[in-house]
Protein backbone atom coordinates (compact mmCIF):
# COMPACT_ATOMS: atom_id res chain seq x y z
CA MET A 1 33.66 71.10 4.28
CA GLU A 2 36.00 71.87 1.37
CA PHE A 3 36.41 68.14 0.62
CA ALA A 4 32.64 67.69 0.21
CA GLU A 5 32.42 70.69 -2.13
CA GLU A 6 35.40 69.43 -4.12
CA SER A 7 33.81 65.97 -4.45
CA ARG A 8 30.51 67.52 -5.52
CA LEU A 9 32.26 69.68 -8.13
CA LYS A 10 34.10 66.62 -9.52
CA ALA A 11 30.79 64.74 -9.72
CA ILE A 12 29.17 67.64 -11.59
CA LEU A 13 32.08 67.92 -14.04
CA HIS A 14 32.08 64.16 -14.56
CA GLY A 15 28.33 64.25 -15.28
CA LEU A 16 28.77 67.09 -17.78
CA ALA A 17 31.60 65.25 -19.53
CA GLU A 18 29.42 62.14 -19.83
CA ARG A 19 26.35 64.02 -21.01
CA HIS A 20 28.12 66.10 -23.65
CA GLY A 21 30.59 63.49 -24.92
CA TRP A 22 33.65 65.28 -23.57
CA ARG A 23 35.12 62.08 -22.16
CA GLN A 24 36.18 60.89 -25.61
CA ALA A 25 37.82 64.27 -26.28
CA GLN A 26 39.70 63.96 -22.99
CA TRP A 27 40.80 60.45 -23.92
CA LEU A 28 42.02 61.60 -27.34
CA GLN A 29 44.04 64.35 -25.68
CA MET A 30 45.61 61.81 -23.32
CA LEU A 31 46.27 59.43 -26.24
CA GLU A 32 48.15 62.14 -28.14
CA GLY A 33 50.59 62.36 -25.24
CA VAL A 34 51.06 58.60 -24.93
CA TRP A 35 51.16 57.83 -28.69
CA MET A 36 54.80 58.92 -29.16
CA ARG A 37 55.99 56.77 -26.27
CA ALA A 38 53.94 53.81 -27.50
CA VAL A 39 55.12 53.86 -31.12
CA GLY A 40 58.38 55.83 -31.05
CA PRO A 41 59.32 59.20 -32.52
CA ALA A 42 59.64 58.13 -36.18
CA VAL A 43 56.19 56.54 -36.26
CA SER A 44 54.66 59.35 -34.24
CA LYS A 45 56.03 61.94 -36.64
CA ASN A 46 54.40 60.18 -39.62
CA THR A 47 51.03 59.31 -38.08
CA LYS A 48 48.07 61.18 -36.64
CA ILE A 49 45.38 59.94 -34.30
CA LEU A 50 42.00 60.50 -35.94
CA THR A 51 39.42 59.20 -33.47
CA LEU A 52 38.55 56.61 -30.88
CA THR A 53 35.24 54.86 -31.51
CA SER A 54 32.80 53.86 -28.80
CA ASP A 55 33.66 50.20 -29.39
CA GLY A 56 37.36 50.79 -28.61
CA VAL A 57 38.87 51.14 -32.09
CA LEU A 58 41.62 53.75 -32.38
CA TRP A 59 41.80 55.13 -35.96
CA VAL A 60 45.17 56.48 -37.08
CA ALA A 61 46.06 58.32 -40.29
CA VAL A 62 49.19 57.04 -42.04
CA PRO A 63 51.00 58.42 -45.11
CA SER A 64 51.09 55.19 -47.14
CA SER A 65 49.92 51.59 -47.29
CA VAL A 66 53.39 50.49 -46.16
CA TRP A 67 52.92 52.42 -42.91
CA ALA A 68 49.46 50.86 -42.57
CA GLN A 69 50.87 47.35 -42.99
CA GLU A 70 53.61 47.91 -40.44
CA LEU A 71 51.26 49.42 -37.85
CA LEU A 72 48.78 46.59 -38.32
CA TYR A 73 51.52 44.03 -37.79
CA TYR A 74 52.68 45.69 -34.57
CA ARG A 75 49.23 46.65 -33.28
CA PRO A 76 49.19 44.13 -30.40
CA ARG A 77 52.34 45.79 -29.02
CA ILE A 78 50.88 49.26 -29.59
CA VAL A 79 47.58 48.42 -27.88
CA ALA A 80 49.45 46.84 -24.94
CA ALA A 81 51.74 49.87 -24.57
CA ILE A 82 48.79 52.27 -24.56
CA GLN A 83 46.84 50.09 -22.11
CA ASP A 84 49.85 50.02 -19.77
CA GLU A 85 49.88 53.83 -19.58
CA LEU A 86 46.16 54.51 -19.90
CA PRO A 87 44.22 51.52 -18.55
CA MET A 88 41.06 53.62 -18.19
CA ILE A 89 40.75 54.01 -21.99
CA PRO A 90 39.15 50.91 -23.52
CA ILE A 91 41.28 50.42 -26.65
CA LYS A 92 40.73 47.04 -28.29
CA ASP A 93 42.21 47.62 -31.74
CA VAL A 94 44.20 50.04 -33.89
CA ARG A 95 43.13 50.60 -37.49
CA THR A 96 44.59 52.84 -40.15
CA ARG A 97 43.50 55.17 -42.93
CA VAL A 98 45.94 56.12 -45.65
CA ARG A 99 46.08 59.88 -46.01
CA THR A 100 48.46 61.40 -48.51
CA GLU A 101 48.95 64.86 -49.94
CA ARG A 102 47.78 63.46 -53.25
CA THR A 103 44.36 62.48 -51.89
CA ARG A 104 41.68 64.66 -53.41
CA ILE A 105 37.93 64.88 -53.05
CA VAL A 106 35.97 63.84 -56.11
CA GLN A 107 32.72 65.70 -56.48
CA ALA A 108 30.23 64.23 -58.93
CA THR A 109 28.28 67.27 -60.05
CA GLU A 110 26.35 67.13 -63.29
CA GLY A 111 28.49 64.26 -64.51
CA ARG A 112 31.63 66.42 -64.67
CA ARG A 113 34.89 65.96 -62.85
CA SER A 114 35.73 68.29 -60.06
CA PRO A 115 38.83 70.51 -60.38
CA TYR A 116 40.11 68.51 -57.40
CA TYR A 117 40.05 65.23 -59.29
CA PRO A 118 43.63 63.93 -59.52
CA THR A 119 44.96 63.64 -63.00
CA THR A 120 47.81 61.25 -63.59
CA TRP A 121 50.23 60.91 -66.43
CA ARG A 122 50.39 57.43 -67.89
CA GLU A 123 53.28 56.04 -69.84
CA PRO A 124 52.51 54.69 -73.30
CA ALA A 125 51.35 51.07 -73.35
CA THR A 126 53.84 48.42 -74.33
CA ASP A 127 53.97 44.63 -74.46
CA ASP A 128 57.75 44.47 -74.14
CA PRO A 129 58.43 42.70 -70.80
CA TRP A 130 61.87 44.34 -70.45
CA VAL A 131 60.37 47.81 -70.73
CA LEU A 132 57.67 46.89 -68.23
CA LEU A 133 60.25 45.44 -65.81
CA ALA A 134 62.38 48.59 -66.10
CA ARG A 135 59.33 50.74 -65.30
CA VAL A 136 58.47 48.64 -62.25
CA GLN A 137 62.06 48.82 -60.98
CA GLU A 138 62.14 52.58 -61.48
CA LYS A 139 58.83 53.08 -59.66
CA TYR A 140 59.95 50.83 -56.78
CA GLN A 141 63.26 52.68 -56.39
CA GLN A 142 61.43 56.01 -56.39
CA ALA A 143 58.96 54.77 -53.77
CA ALA A 144 61.78 53.32 -51.65
CA ARG A 145 63.58 56.69 -51.66
CA GLU A 146 60.35 58.39 -50.53
CA TRP A 147 59.86 55.83 -47.73
CA LEU A 148 63.41 56.31 -46.49
CA ASP A 149 62.85 60.08 -46.52
CA GLN A 150 59.70 59.55 -44.41
CA GLY A 151 61.61 57.81 -41.62
CA PHE A 152 61.70 54.19 -42.73
CA GLN A 153 64.88 52.14 -42.61
CA GLU A 154 65.93 49.18 -44.72
CA CYS A 155 65.05 45.64 -43.62
CA VAL A 156 68.31 43.79 -42.89
CA ARG A 157 67.10 40.71 -44.78
CA CYS A 158 65.32 41.95 -47.94
CA HIS A 159 66.16 45.69 -47.92
CA ALA A 160 62.48 46.64 -48.13
CA PRO A 161 61.44 49.69 -46.10
CA THR A 162 60.52 49.01 -42.47
CA LEU A 163 59.78 51.16 -39.44
CA GLN A 164 62.62 52.65 -37.42
CA GLY A 165 63.60 50.44 -34.52
CA TYR A 166 62.74 47.15 -36.26
CA ALA A 167 65.44 45.15 -38.01
CA LEU A 168 62.98 43.16 -40.16
CA CYS A 169 59.98 44.22 -42.19
CA SER A 170 56.70 42.54 -41.31
CA VAL A 171 56.97 40.05 -44.20
CA CYS A 172 60.46 38.89 -43.17
CA GLU A 173 59.43 38.80 -39.49
CA ILE A 174 56.49 36.52 -40.30
CA SER A 175 58.65 34.20 -42.41
CA ARG A 176 61.31 34.12 -39.65
CA ARG A 177 58.70 33.09 -37.08
CA LYS A 178 57.34 30.33 -39.34
CA SER A 179 60.77 28.78 -39.89
């Protein structure tokens, strides 16, 4: 008797989850638990699952375009790892959105800029190639320091930032496979 009531209760709960869209919320909760094992602690610490679409696309927030590039390169491995642990969740792809602390909302009201509009300081224009090269090198070194602080490590071949646990960045890995 108890088994029949238990089965009926499960059927009712399943029907409610389907009708009210709770299944996706359940899947997202399960994905949060599996995400760290699928991508590792360094990646997990610097990413956040945003949503899972009805067509099987898992959207993940990343702190920079470098993180986006690395996750996109390794997405077949990530999808496979998630599917191994959660075969009932139909994930077909992983896509990224860059979310940084500097991202602001621009509100176009009466043709004026919002107080949230980011203002940036620009260096004076110059045509001197040596000055321009020095600026690029300085900006790259600053960005590299930030990436290393965010959990990246240096690529053993080109010393560009790459995800923890991978010896080569995605560019060097692709060139290695082609040769």
